[in-house]
Amino acid sequence: MAQQIPYKTYEQSAEYIKTQIVDFQPYIGIVCGSGLGSLADTLERIVAVVKYEDIPGFVRSTAEGHAGQLVFGELSGKRVVCMQGRFHCYEGYTTQQATFPVRVMHLIGVRVLLITNAAGGINPAYEVGDVALISDHLSLPGIAGSNALIGPNIGEFGVRFPPISDLYTPRLRHIAARVYLTSNYLRNERKLHLREGIYAWVYGPCYESRAELRALRMLGADLVGMSTVPEAVVAKHCGMEVLAMSLVTNKCVDRREPNTIDAMVAELAGKPLEMVVEEFPHHEEVLAVAAARTLDIQDFVKAIVKEI
């Protein structure tokens, strides 16, 4: 089992950051998902930019599309910090390392965490380019024993056994829904479709197999991705409110392939089966879809932050 990160390390990280943002205390933290780092560019006033490599206790983000820095400033009149680049367990980090920044955000004053991510659409009704509010999650790694709260509990952050049935704060989801439904621009001009669903967290970095996707779908998942859940759990443990949303960047392929033996029998009989050409997910697609929806996500987030 990985060694627990001591509370003192979180304190050292927070104290360093405070020296870079004198007299500025962010209330809202925003975690920018793959290809969505430009959310930080929407800040009306940037107070400071702090590189991860300079912060004690922080590891480095190695995923493409993740800048690796904290950007402090004001958005829609609120004090925020944007995390440009998150840490994933598939990069080789423990869940505690991957969620380290969330606890540090708590120590510097953040009370609301807004998490974005790029996800695959399991629900057949979801289309590429849709945005989905996360109402609940399915954490197979967590059920199997990979949870950021494993190890001695750090009482300064929260209780030993935190309930997470209301992890994705209903109040914030209501705000997001109201913002969307009252925005003629997002709904009619930009043709943005808002969904709400269950997000399945998988470790990655490979995309899921057909059988895994069928299993996730049967278990009730609408979306699948490689982040968000560990961060959300830790935020809840710290007492934060959490709003998480996914940009659907690809439709998952879970169709069962034709039986190879049946296909060969048909081929030998001179009646080959019709082959279905399918497009499998790739990271370039994720970044391209994120880029195409960047301005819409920015407008949506800005409007939500204004109402929080």
C-alpha atoms as a PDB file:
ATOM      1  CA  MET A   1       0.000   0.000   0.000  1.00  0.00           C
ATOM      2  CA  ALA A   2       1.247   3.482  -0.885  1.00  0.00           C
ATOM      3  CA  GLN A   3       2.490   5.595   1.985  1.00  0.00           C
ATOM      4  CA  GLN A   4       0.027   8.182   3.276  1.00  0.00           C
ATOM      5  CA  ILE A   5       0.878  11.797   2.417  1.00  0.00           C
ATOM      6  CA  PRO A   6       1.227  13.593   5.776  1.00  0.00           C
ATOM      7  CA  TYR A   7      -0.934  16.612   6.590  1.00  0.00           C
ATOM      8  CA  LYS A   8       2.212  18.712   6.954  1.00  0.00           C
ATOM      9  CA  THR A   9       2.985  18.278   3.243  1.00  0.00           C
ATOM     10  CA  TYR A  10      -0.430  19.685   2.303  1.00  0.00           C
ATOM     11  CA  GLU A  11       0.191  22.616   4.658  1.00  0.00           C
ATOM     12  CA  GLN A  12       3.596  23.333   3.090  1.00  0.00           C
ATOM     13  CA  SER A  13       2.043  23.350  -0.355  1.00  0.00           C
ATOM     14  CA  ALA A  14      -0.741  25.691   0.726  1.00  0.00           C
ATOM     15  CA  GLU A  15       1.657  28.051   2.497  1.00  0.00           C
ATOM     16  CA  TYR A  16       3.839  28.317  -0.622  1.00  0.00           C
ATOM     17  CA  ILE A  17       0.837  29.122  -2.802  1.00  0.00           C
ATOM     18  CA  LYS A  18      -0.311  31.786  -0.354  1.00  0.00           C
ATOM     19  CA  THR A  19       3.026  33.559  -0.803  1.00  0.00           C
ATOM     20  CA  GLN A  20       2.252  33.785  -4.535  1.00  0.00           C
ATOM     21  CA  ILE A  21      -1.319  35.097  -4.133  1.00  0.00           C
ATOM     22  CA  VAL A  22      -1.003  37.583  -1.296  1.00  0.00           C
ATOM     23  CA  ASP A  23      -4.423  38.847  -0.095  1.00  0.00           C
ATOM     24  CA  PHE A  24      -6.252  36.706  -2.671  1.00  0.00           C
ATOM     25  CA  GLN A  25      -8.411  33.820  -1.442  1.00  0.00           C
ATOM     26  CA  PRO A  26     -10.200  31.799  -4.130  1.00  0.00           C
ATOM     27  CA  TYR A  27     -13.692  30.542  -3.329  1.00  0.00           C
ATOM     28  CA  ILE A  28     -14.239  28.392  -6.425  1.00  0.00           C
ATOM     29  CA  GLY A  29     -11.797  25.844  -7.842  1.00  0.00           C
ATOM     30  CA  ILE A  30     -12.091  24.722 -11.471  1.00  0.00           C
ATOM     31  CA  VAL A  31     -10.410  21.538 -12.708  1.00  0.00           C
ATOM     32  CA  CYS A  32      -9.902  21.792 -16.468  1.00  0.00           C
ATOM     33  CA  GLY A  33     -10.203  18.496 -18.337  1.00  0.00           C
ATOM     34  CA  SER A  34      -8.477  17.299 -21.511  1.00  0.00           C
ATOM     35  CA  GLY A  35      -8.447  20.054 -24.106  1.00  0.00           C
ATOM     36  CA  LEU A  36     -10.426  22.375 -21.825  1.00  0.00           C
ATOM     37  CA  GLY A  37      -7.495  24.200 -20.250  1.00  0.00           C
ATOM     38  CA  SER A  38      -8.446  27.392 -22.087  1.00  0.00           C
ATOM     39  CA  LEU A  39     -11.185  27.884 -19.506  1.00  0.00           C
ATOM     40  CA  ALA A  40      -8.523  29.745 -17.576  1.00  0.00           C
ATOM     41  CA  ASP A  41      -8.239  32.188 -20.467  1.00  0.00           C
ATOM     42  CA  THR A  42     -11.724  33.483 -19.648  1.00  0.00           C
ATOM     43  CA  LEU A  43     -10.630  35.010 -16.347  1.00  0.00           C
ATOM     44  CA  GLU A  44     -11.364  38.731 -16.297  1.00  0.00           C
ATOM     45  CA  ARG A  45      -8.364  39.444 -14.087  1.00  0.00           C
ATOM     46  CA  ILE A  46      -5.423  37.133 -13.586  1.00  0.00           C
ATOM     47  CA  VAL A  47      -3.743  37.536 -10.211  1.00  0.00           C
ATOM     48  CA  ALA A  48      -1.056  34.854 -10.446  1.00  0.00           C
ATOM     49  CA  VAL A  49       0.082  31.806 -12.374  1.00  0.00           C
ATOM     50  CA  VAL A  50       1.871  29.136 -10.342  1.00  0.00           C
ATOM     51  CA  LYS A  51       3.629  26.225 -12.049  1.00  0.00           C
ATOM     52  CA  TYR A  52       3.078  22.778 -10.548  1.00  0.00           C
ATOM     53  CA  GLU A  53       6.809  22.112 -10.590  1.00  0.00           C
ATOM     54  CA  ASP A  54       7.320  25.004  -8.155  1.00  0.00           C
ATOM     55  CA  ILE A  55       4.738  23.850  -5.617  1.00  0.00           C
ATOM     56  CA  PRO A  56       5.923  21.528  -2.816  1.00  0.00           C
ATOM     57  CA  GLY A  57       4.146  18.180  -2.991  1.00  0.00           C
ATOM     58  CA  PHE A  58       2.744  18.590  -6.494  1.00  0.00           C
ATOM     59  CA  VAL A  59       3.614  16.041  -9.134  1.00  0.00           C
ATOM     60  CA  ARG A  60       3.664  16.831 -12.867  1.00  0.00           C
ATOM     61  CA  SER A  61       0.888  16.453 -15.393  1.00  0.00           C
ATOM     62  CA  THR A  62       2.124  14.402 -18.347  1.00  0.00           C
ATOM     63  CA  ALA A  63      -1.103  14.130 -20.373  1.00  0.00           C
ATOM     64  CA  GLU A  64      -1.289  15.975 -23.695  1.00  0.00           C
ATOM     65  CA  GLY A  65      -3.514  19.047 -23.475  1.00  0.00           C
ATOM     66  CA  HIS A  66      -2.672  19.722 -19.809  1.00  0.00           C
ATOM     67  CA  ALA A  67      -0.517  22.826 -19.182  1.00  0.00           C
ATOM     68  CA  GLY A  68       0.474  22.037 -15.589  1.00  0.00           C
ATOM     69  CA  GLN A  69      -0.226  25.213 -13.641  1.00  0.00           C
ATOM     70  CA  LEU A  70      -2.655  26.957 -11.298  1.00  0.00           C
ATOM     71  CA  VAL A  71      -4.177  30.191 -12.591  1.00  0.00           C
ATOM     72  CA  PHE A  72      -5.693  32.553 -10.018  1.00  0.00           C
ATOM     73  CA  GLY A  73      -8.074  35.354 -10.888  1.00  0.00           C
ATOM     74  CA  GLU A  74     -11.661  36.536 -11.142  1.00  0.00           C
ATOM     75  CA  LEU A  75     -14.418  34.982 -13.216  1.00  0.00           C
ATOM     76  CA  SER A  76     -17.903  36.488 -13.371  1.00  0.00           C
ATOM     77  CA  GLY A  77     -17.031  38.542 -10.300  1.00  0.00           C
ATOM     78  CA  LYS A  78     -15.970  35.501  -8.232  1.00  0.00           C
ATOM     79  CA  ARG A  79     -12.502  34.621  -6.994  1.00  0.00           C
ATOM     80  CA  VAL A  80     -11.388  31.387  -8.621  1.00  0.00           C
ATOM     81  CA  VAL A  81      -8.395  29.152  -9.202  1.00  0.00           C
ATOM     82  CA  CYS A  82      -8.187  27.123 -12.393  1.00  0.00           C
ATOM     83  CA  MET A  83      -6.233  23.904 -12.432  1.00  0.00           C
ATOM     84  CA  GLN A  84      -4.802  23.732 -15.955  1.00  0.00           C
ATOM     85  CA  GLY A  85      -3.936  20.074 -16.139  1.00  0.00           C
ATOM     86  CA  ARG A  86      -4.931  17.380 -13.687  1.00  0.00           C
ATOM     87  CA  PHE A  87      -3.152  14.258 -12.510  1.00  0.00           C
ATOM     88  CA  HIS A  88      -4.366  10.784 -13.483  1.00  0.00           C
ATOM     89  CA  CYS A  89      -3.693   7.425 -11.900  1.00  0.00           C
ATOM     90  CA  TYR A  90      -2.755   6.063 -15.345  1.00  0.00           C
ATOM     91  CA  GLU A  91       0.272   8.365 -15.276  1.00  0.00           C
ATOM     92  CA  GLY A  92       1.608   6.187 -12.476  1.00  0.00           C
ATOM     93  CA  TYR A  93       0.387   8.335  -9.599  1.00  0.00           C
ATOM     94  CA  THR A  94      -1.462   7.042  -6.555  1.00  0.00           C
ATOM     95  CA  THR A  95      -4.978   8.299  -5.920  1.00  0.00           C
ATOM     96  CA  GLN A  96      -3.548  10.422  -3.101  1.00  0.00           C
ATOM     97  CA  GLN A  97      -1.048  12.061  -5.437  1.00  0.00           C
ATOM     98  CA  ALA A  98      -3.694  12.570  -8.113  1.00  0.00           C
ATOM     99  CA  THR A  99      -6.015  14.313  -5.654  1.00  0.00           C
ATOM    100  CA  PHE A 100      -3.343  16.241  -3.751  1.00  0.00           C
ATOM    101  CA  PRO A 101      -4.284  19.613  -5.347  1.00  0.00           C
ATOM    102  CA  VAL A 102      -7.907  19.309  -4.212  1.00  0.00           C
ATOM    103  CA  ARG A 103      -6.947  19.179  -0.557  1.00  0.00           C
ATOM    104  CA  VAL A 104      -4.513  22.039  -1.064  1.00  0.00           C
ATOM    105  CA  MET A 105      -7.307  24.082  -2.687  1.00  0.00           C
ATOM    106  CA  HIS A 106      -9.373  23.460   0.431  1.00  0.00           C
ATOM    107  CA  LEU A 107      -6.565  24.769   2.627  1.00  0.00           C
ATOM    108  CA  ILE A 108      -6.307  28.018   0.649  1.00  0.00           C
ATOM    109  CA  GLY A 109     -10.028  28.709   0.906  1.00  0.00           C
ATOM    110  CA  VAL A 110     -11.809  26.902  -1.940  1.00  0.00           C
ATOM    111  CA  ARG A 111     -15.296  25.780  -0.957  1.00  0.00           C
ATOM    112  CA  VAL A 112     -16.831  24.921  -4.347  1.00  0.00           C
ATOM    113  CA  LEU A 113     -15.130  22.608  -6.845  1.00  0.00           C
ATOM    114  CA  LEU A 114     -16.197  22.601 -10.491  1.00  0.00           C
ATOM    115  CA  ILE A 115     -14.737  19.627 -12.353  1.00  0.00           C
ATOM    116  CA  THR A 116     -14.735  19.212 -16.131  1.00  0.00           C
ATOM    117  CA  ASN A 117     -13.636  16.237 -18.168  1.00  0.00           C
ATOM    118  CA  ALA A 118     -13.718  14.682 -21.607  1.00  0.00           C
ATOM    119  CA  ALA A 119     -15.663  11.425 -21.612  1.00  0.00           C
ATOM    120  CA  GLY A 120     -16.931   8.676 -23.842  1.00  0.00           C
ATOM    121  CA  GLY A 121     -20.666   8.423 -24.349  1.00  0.00           C
ATOM    122  CA  ILE A 122     -22.002   4.996 -23.354  1.00  0.00           C
ATOM    123  CA  ASN A 123     -25.638   6.084 -23.452  1.00  0.00           C
ATOM    124  CA  PRO A 124     -26.665   5.743 -27.121  1.00  0.00           C
ATOM    125  CA  ALA A 125     -28.722   8.931 -26.860  1.00  0.00           C
ATOM    126  CA  TYR A 126     -25.600  10.987 -26.170  1.00  0.00           C
ATOM    127  CA  GLU A 127     -23.968  12.605 -29.172  1.00  0.00           C
ATOM    128  CA  VAL A 128     -20.430  13.899 -29.628  1.00  0.00           C
ATOM    129  CA  GLY A 129     -20.359  17.504 -28.465  1.00  0.00           C
ATOM    130  CA  ASP A 130     -23.058  17.070 -25.807  1.00  0.00           C
ATOM    131  CA  VAL A 131     -22.372  18.188 -22.241  1.00  0.00           C
ATOM    132  CA  ALA A 132     -23.565  16.034 -19.345  1.00  0.00           C
ATOM    133  CA  LEU A 133     -23.938  16.970 -15.701  1.00  0.00           C
ATOM    134  CA  ILE A 134     -22.745  14.134 -13.502  1.00  0.00           C
ATOM    135  CA  SER A 135     -25.423  13.114 -11.007  1.00  0.00           C
ATOM    136  CA  ASP A 136     -23.675  10.032  -9.632  1.00  0.00           C
ATOM    137  CA  HIS A 137     -20.726   7.797 -10.379  1.00  0.00           C
ATOM    138  CA  LEU A 138     -19.692   4.183 -10.726  1.00  0.00           C
ATOM    139  CA  SER A 139     -16.191   3.654  -9.388  1.00  0.00           C
ATOM    140  CA  LEU A 140     -15.042   0.136 -10.134  1.00  0.00           C
ATOM    141  CA  PRO A 141     -11.451   0.929  -9.026  1.00  0.00           C
ATOM    142  CA  GLY A 142     -12.877   2.365  -5.815  1.00  0.00           C
ATOM    143  CA  ILE A 143     -14.992  -0.698  -5.145  1.00  0.00           C
ATOM    144  CA  ALA A 144     -11.924  -2.851  -5.815  1.00  0.00           C
ATOM    145  CA  GLY A 145      -9.785  -0.950  -3.330  1.00  0.00           C
ATOM    146  CA  SER A 146      -8.331   2.099  -5.090  1.00  0.00           C
ATOM    147  CA  ASN A 147      -9.778   5.007  -3.152  1.00  0.00           C
ATOM    148  CA  ALA A 148      -7.987   8.251  -2.314  1.00  0.00           C
ATOM    149  CA  LEU A 149      -9.226   7.996   1.285  1.00  0.00           C
ATOM    150  CA  ILE A 150      -7.575   4.641   1.957  1.00  0.00           C
ATOM    151  CA  GLY A 151      -5.010   4.779   4.743  1.00  0.00           C
ATOM    152  CA  PRO A 152      -5.028   6.573   8.090  1.00  0.00           C
ATOM    153  CA  ASN A 153      -7.751   9.230   8.028  1.00  0.00           C
ATOM    154  CA  ILE A 154      -6.566  12.835   8.141  1.00  0.00           C
ATOM    155  CA  GLY A 155      -9.079  14.315  10.552  1.00  0.00           C
ATOM    156  CA  GLU A 156      -8.186  17.879   9.602  1.00  0.00           C
ATOM    157  CA  PHE A 157      -9.876  17.237   6.252  1.00  0.00           C
ATOM    158  CA  GLY A 158     -12.870  15.111   7.201  1.00  0.00           C
ATOM    159  CA  VAL A 159     -14.420  12.116   8.898  1.00  0.00           C
ATOM    160  CA  ARG A 160     -13.283   8.506   8.530  1.00  0.00           C
ATOM    161  CA  PHE A 161     -16.419   7.294   6.743  1.00  0.00           C
ATOM    162  CA  PRO A 162     -17.891  10.097   4.590  1.00  0.00           C
ATOM    163  CA  PRO A 163     -21.243   9.490   2.868  1.00  0.00           C
ATOM    164  CA  ILE A 164     -21.174  10.295  -0.850  1.00  0.00           C
ATOM    165  CA  SER A 165     -24.789   9.716  -1.889  1.00  0.00           C
ATOM    166  CA  ASP A 166     -25.115  13.467  -2.445  1.00  0.00           C
ATOM    167  CA  LEU A 167     -21.542  13.985  -3.646  1.00  0.00           C
ATOM    168  CA  TYR A 168     -22.565  15.895  -6.792  1.00  0.00           C
ATOM    169  CA  THR A 169     -24.301  18.770  -5.049  1.00  0.00           C
ATOM    170  CA  PRO A 170     -27.958  19.062  -6.123  1.00  0.00           C
ATOM    171  CA  ARG A 171     -27.942  22.822  -5.541  1.00  0.00           C
ATOM    172  CA  LEU A 172     -25.182  23.315  -8.078  1.00  0.00           C
ATOM    173  CA  ARG A 173     -26.788  21.002 -10.633  1.00  0.00           C
ATOM    174  CA  HIS A 174     -29.998  22.989 -10.315  1.00  0.00           C
ATOM    175  CA  ILE A 175     -28.063  26.183 -11.010  1.00  0.00           C
ATOM    176  CA  ALA A 176     -26.438  24.627 -14.072  1.00  0.00           C
ATOM    177  CA  ALA A 177     -29.779  23.376 -15.407  1.00  0.00           C
ATOM    178  CA  ARG A 178     -31.382  26.780 -14.916  1.00  0.00           C
ATOM    179  CA  VAL A 179     -28.519  28.545 -16.659  1.00  0.00           C
ATOM    180  CA  TYR A 180     -28.791  26.210 -19.641  1.00  0.00           C
ATOM    181  CA  LEU A 181     -32.576  26.254 -19.953  1.00  0.00           C
ATOM    182  CA  THR A 182     -32.719  30.045 -19.819  1.00  0.00           C
ATOM    183  CA  SER A 183     -29.903  30.549 -22.337  1.00  0.00           C
ATOM    184  CA  ASN A 184     -31.252  30.989 -25.852  1.00  0.00           C
ATOM    185  CA  TYR A 185     -27.681  31.392 -27.060  1.00  0.00           C
ATOM    186  CA  LEU A 186     -26.433  28.011 -25.815  1.00  0.00           C
ATOM    187  CA  ARG A 187     -29.563  26.048 -26.650  1.00  0.00           C
ATOM    188  CA  ASN A 188     -30.630  27.505 -29.968  1.00  0.00           C
ATOM    189  CA  GLU A 189     -27.690  29.366 -31.473  1.00  0.00           C
ATOM    190  CA  ARG A 190     -24.899  27.058 -30.384  1.00  0.00           C
ATOM    191  CA  LYS A 191     -27.056  23.894 -30.443  1.00  0.00           C
ATOM    192  CA  LEU A 192     -25.561  22.701 -27.172  1.00  0.00           C
ATOM    193  CA  HIS A 193     -27.408  19.734 -25.698  1.00  0.00           C
ATOM    194  CA  LEU A 194     -27.256  19.278 -21.925  1.00  0.00           C
ATOM    195  CA  ARG A 195     -27.679  15.824 -20.402  1.00  0.00           C
ATOM    196  CA  GLU A 196     -27.463  14.432 -16.892  1.00  0.00           C
ATOM    197  CA  GLY A 197     -26.080  11.001 -16.194  1.00  0.00           C
ATOM    198  CA  ILE A 198     -23.890   8.566 -14.317  1.00  0.00           C
ATOM    199  CA  TYR A 199     -20.130   8.649 -14.888  1.00  0.00           C
ATOM    200  CA  ALA A 200     -18.026   5.498 -14.714  1.00  0.00           C
ATOM    201  CA  TRP A 201     -14.430   5.953 -13.615  1.00  0.00           C
ATOM    202  CA  VAL A 202     -11.862   3.597 -15.115  1.00  0.00           C
ATOM    203  CA  TYR A 203      -8.106   3.652 -14.591  1.00  0.00           C
ATOM    204  CA  GLY A 204      -6.948   3.829 -18.227  1.00  0.00           C
ATOM    205  CA  PRO A 205      -4.875   4.655 -20.160  1.00  0.00           C
ATOM    206  CA  CYS A 206      -6.275   2.258 -22.771  1.00  0.00           C
ATOM    207  CA  TYR A 207      -9.811   2.866 -23.898  1.00  0.00           C
ATOM    208  CA  GLU A 208     -12.308   0.265 -22.735  1.00  0.00           C
ATOM    209  CA  SER A 209     -12.981  -3.033 -24.471  1.00  0.00           C
ATOM    210  CA  ARG A 210     -16.351  -3.797 -26.023  1.00  0.00           C
ATOM    211  CA  ALA A 211     -17.182  -6.238 -23.235  1.00  0.00           C
ATOM    212  CA  GLU A 212     -16.211  -3.719 -20.553  1.00  0.00           C
ATOM    213  CA  LEU A 213     -18.427  -1.086 -22.140  1.00  0.00           C
ATOM    214  CA  ARG A 214     -21.367  -3.467 -22.316  1.00  0.00           C
ATOM    215  CA  ALA A 215     -20.837  -4.286 -18.640  1.00  0.00           C
ATOM    216  CA  LEU A 216     -20.698  -0.604 -17.684  1.00  0.00           C
ATOM    217  CA  ARG A 217     -23.832   0.075 -19.667  1.00  0.00           C
ATOM    218  CA  MET A 218     -25.677  -2.773 -17.920  1.00  0.00           C
ATOM    219  CA  LEU A 219     -24.551  -1.325 -14.584  1.00  0.00           C
ATOM    220  CA  GLY A 220     -26.209   1.974 -15.457  1.00  0.00           C
ATOM    221  CA  ALA A 221     -23.305   4.126 -16.634  1.00  0.00           C
ATOM    222  CA  ASP A 222     -23.988   6.826 -19.226  1.00  0.00           C
ATOM    223  CA  LEU A 223     -20.421   8.105 -19.501  1.00  0.00           C
ATOM    224  CA  VAL A 224     -16.938   6.733 -19.006  1.00  0.00           C
ATOM    225  CA  GLY A 225     -13.647   8.460 -18.314  1.00  0.00           C
ATOM    226  CA  MET A 226     -10.297   8.275 -16.544  1.00  0.00           C
ATOM    227  CA  SER A 227     -10.577  11.064 -13.960  1.00  0.00           C
ATOM    228  CA  THR A 228     -12.953  13.148 -11.816  1.00  0.00           C
ATOM    229  CA  VAL A 229     -14.188  10.558  -9.302  1.00  0.00           C
ATOM    230  CA  PRO A 230     -11.085  10.552  -7.033  1.00  0.00           C
ATOM    231  CA  GLU A 231     -11.063  14.372  -7.022  1.00  0.00           C
ATOM    232  CA  ALA A 232     -14.787  14.562  -6.311  1.00  0.00           C
ATOM    233  CA  VAL A 233     -14.557  12.077  -3.428  1.00  0.00           C
ATOM    234  CA  VAL A 234     -11.703  13.983  -1.815  1.00  0.00           C
ATOM    235  CA  ALA A 235     -13.534  17.297  -2.269  1.00  0.00           C
ATOM    236  CA  LYS A 236     -16.601  15.852  -0.553  1.00  0.00           C
ATOM    237  CA  HIS A 237     -14.405  14.539   2.260  1.00  0.00           C
ATOM    238  CA  CYS A 238     -13.149  18.095   2.749  1.00  0.00           C
ATOM    239  CA  GLY A 239     -16.691  19.455   2.907  1.00  0.00           C
ATOM    240  CA  MET A 240     -16.695  21.119  -0.519  1.00  0.00           C
ATOM    241  CA  GLU A 241     -19.685  21.411  -2.815  1.00  0.00           C
ATOM    242  CA  VAL A 242     -19.031  19.669  -6.131  1.00  0.00           C
ATOM    243  CA  LEU A 243     -20.301  20.228  -9.657  1.00  0.00           C
ATOM    244  CA  ALA A 244     -18.901  17.915 -12.323  1.00  0.00           C
ATOM    245  CA  MET A 245     -19.628  17.860 -16.028  1.00  0.00           C
ATOM    246  CA  SER A 246     -18.442  15.841 -19.002  1.00  0.00           C
ATOM    247  CA  LEU A 247     -17.969  16.866 -22.601  1.00  0.00           C
ATOM    248  CA  VAL A 248     -18.851  13.849 -24.734  1.00  0.00           C
ATOM    249  CA  THR A 249     -15.917  13.543 -27.113  1.00  0.00           C
ATOM    250  CA  ASN A 250     -16.659  10.131 -28.624  1.00  0.00           C
ATOM    251  CA  LYS A 251     -19.399   7.536 -28.824  1.00  0.00           C
ATOM    252  CA  CYS A 252     -18.345   4.250 -27.276  1.00  0.00           C
ATOM    253  CA  VAL A 253     -18.227   1.138 -29.447  1.00  0.00           C
ATOM    254  CA  ASP A 254     -19.783  -1.730 -27.503  1.00  0.00           C
ATOM    255  CA  ARG A 255     -21.367  -3.743 -30.318  1.00  0.00           C
ATOM    256  CA  ARG A 256     -20.493  -7.407 -30.070  1.00  0.00           C
ATOM    257  CA  GLU A 257     -18.367  -8.566 -33.004  1.00  0.00           C
ATOM    258  CA  PRO A 258     -19.701 -11.340 -35.270  1.00  0.00           C
ATOM    259  CA  ASN A 259     -18.606 -14.813 -34.236  1.00  0.00           C
ATOM    260  CA  THR A 260     -15.372 -15.580 -36.107  1.00  0.00           C
ATOM    261  CA  ILE A 261     -16.341 -19.181 -36.810  1.00  0.00           C
ATOM    262  CA  ASP A 262     -19.772 -18.193 -38.147  1.00  0.00           C
ATOM    263  CA  ALA A 263     -18.121 -15.553 -40.308  1.00  0.00           C
ATOM    264  CA  MET A 264     -15.696 -18.082 -41.752  1.00  0.00           C
ATOM    265  CA  VAL A 265     -18.487 -20.596 -42.428  1.00  0.00           C
ATOM    266  CA  ALA A 266     -20.333 -17.889 -44.357  1.00  0.00           C
ATOM    267  CA  GLU A 267     -17.176 -16.910 -46.242  1.00  0.00           C
ATOM    268  CA  LEU A 268     -16.409 -20.515 -47.239  1.00  0.00           C
ATOM    269  CA  ALA A 269     -20.004 -20.864 -48.432  1.00  0.00           C
ATOM    270  CA  GLY A 270     -19.496 -17.858 -50.689  1.00  0.00           C
ATOM    271  CA  LYS A 271     -21.811 -15.682 -48.611  1.00  0.00           C
ATOM    272  CA  PRO A 272     -19.481 -13.511 -46.540  1.00  0.00           C
ATOM    273  CA  LEU A 273     -21.083 -11.528 -43.738  1.00  0.00           C
ATOM    274  CA  GLU A 274     -21.311  -7.780 -44.188  1.00  0.00           C
ATOM    275  CA  MET A 275     -18.580  -6.146 -42.132  1.00  0.00           C
ATOM    276  CA  VAL A 276     -19.395  -3.023 -40.142  1.00  0.00           C
ATOM    277  CA  VAL A 277     -16.678  -0.368 -40.236  1.00  0.00           C
ATOM    278  CA  GLU A 278     -16.442   1.263 -36.816  1.00  0.00           C
ATOM    279  CA  GLU A 279     -14.445   4.236 -35.579  1.00  0.00           C
ATOM    280  CA  PHE A 280     -12.633   3.665 -32.327  1.00  0.00           C
ATOM    281  CA  PRO A 281     -11.710   6.478 -29.913  1.00  0.00           C
ATOM    282  CA  HIS A 282      -8.356   8.241 -30.035  1.00  0.00           C
ATOM    283  CA  HIS A 283      -6.898  11.164 -28.123  1.00  0.00           C
ATOM    284  CA  GLU A 284      -6.656  13.426 -31.172  1.00  0.00           C
ATOM    285  CA  GLU A 285     -10.437  13.155 -31.502  1.00  0.00           C
ATOM    286  CA  VAL A 286     -10.871  14.085 -27.866  1.00  0.00           C
ATOM    287  CA  LEU A 287      -8.772  17.226 -28.254  1.00  0.00           C
ATOM    288  CA  ALA A 288     -10.501  18.181 -31.523  1.00  0.00           C
ATOM    289  CA  VAL A 289     -14.004  17.922 -30.053  1.00  0.00           C
ATOM    290  CA  ALA A 290     -12.896  19.846 -26.968  1.00  0.00           C
ATOM    291  CA  ALA A 291     -11.489  22.605 -29.174  1.00  0.00           C
ATOM    292  CA  ALA A 292     -14.737  22.814 -31.144  1.00  0.00           C
ATOM    293  CA  ARG A 293     -16.788  23.241 -27.961  1.00  0.00           C
ATOM    294  CA  THR A 294     -14.323  25.399 -26.026  1.00  0.00           C
ATOM    295  CA  LEU A 295     -16.202  28.698 -26.377  1.00  0.00           C
ATOM    296  CA  ASP A 296     -19.509  27.072 -25.452  1.00  0.00           C
ATOM    297  CA  ILE A 297     -18.027  25.431 -22.341  1.00  0.00           C
ATOM    298  CA  GLN A 298     -16.467  28.754 -21.378  1.00  0.00           C
ATOM    299  CA  ASP A 299     -19.774  30.597 -21.682  1.00  0.00           C
ATOM    300  CA  PHE A 300     -21.594  27.884 -19.769  1.00  0.00           C
ATOM    301  CA  VAL A 301     -19.071  27.807 -16.922  1.00  0.00           C
ATOM    302  CA  LYS A 302     -18.939  31.600 -16.672  1.00  0.00           C
ATOM    303  CA  ALA A 303     -22.727  31.761 -16.379  1.00  0.00           C
ATOM    304  CA  ILE A 304     -22.768  29.023 -13.733  1.00  0.00           C
ATOM    305  CA  VAL A 305     -20.012  30.682 -11.680  1.00  0.00           C
ATOM    306  CA  LYS A 306     -21.940  33.954 -11.761  1.00  0.00           C
ATOM    307  CA  GLU A 307     -24.910  32.250 -10.087  1.00  0.00           C
ATOM    308  CA  ILE A 308     -22.975  30.358  -7.409  1.00  0.00           C
END
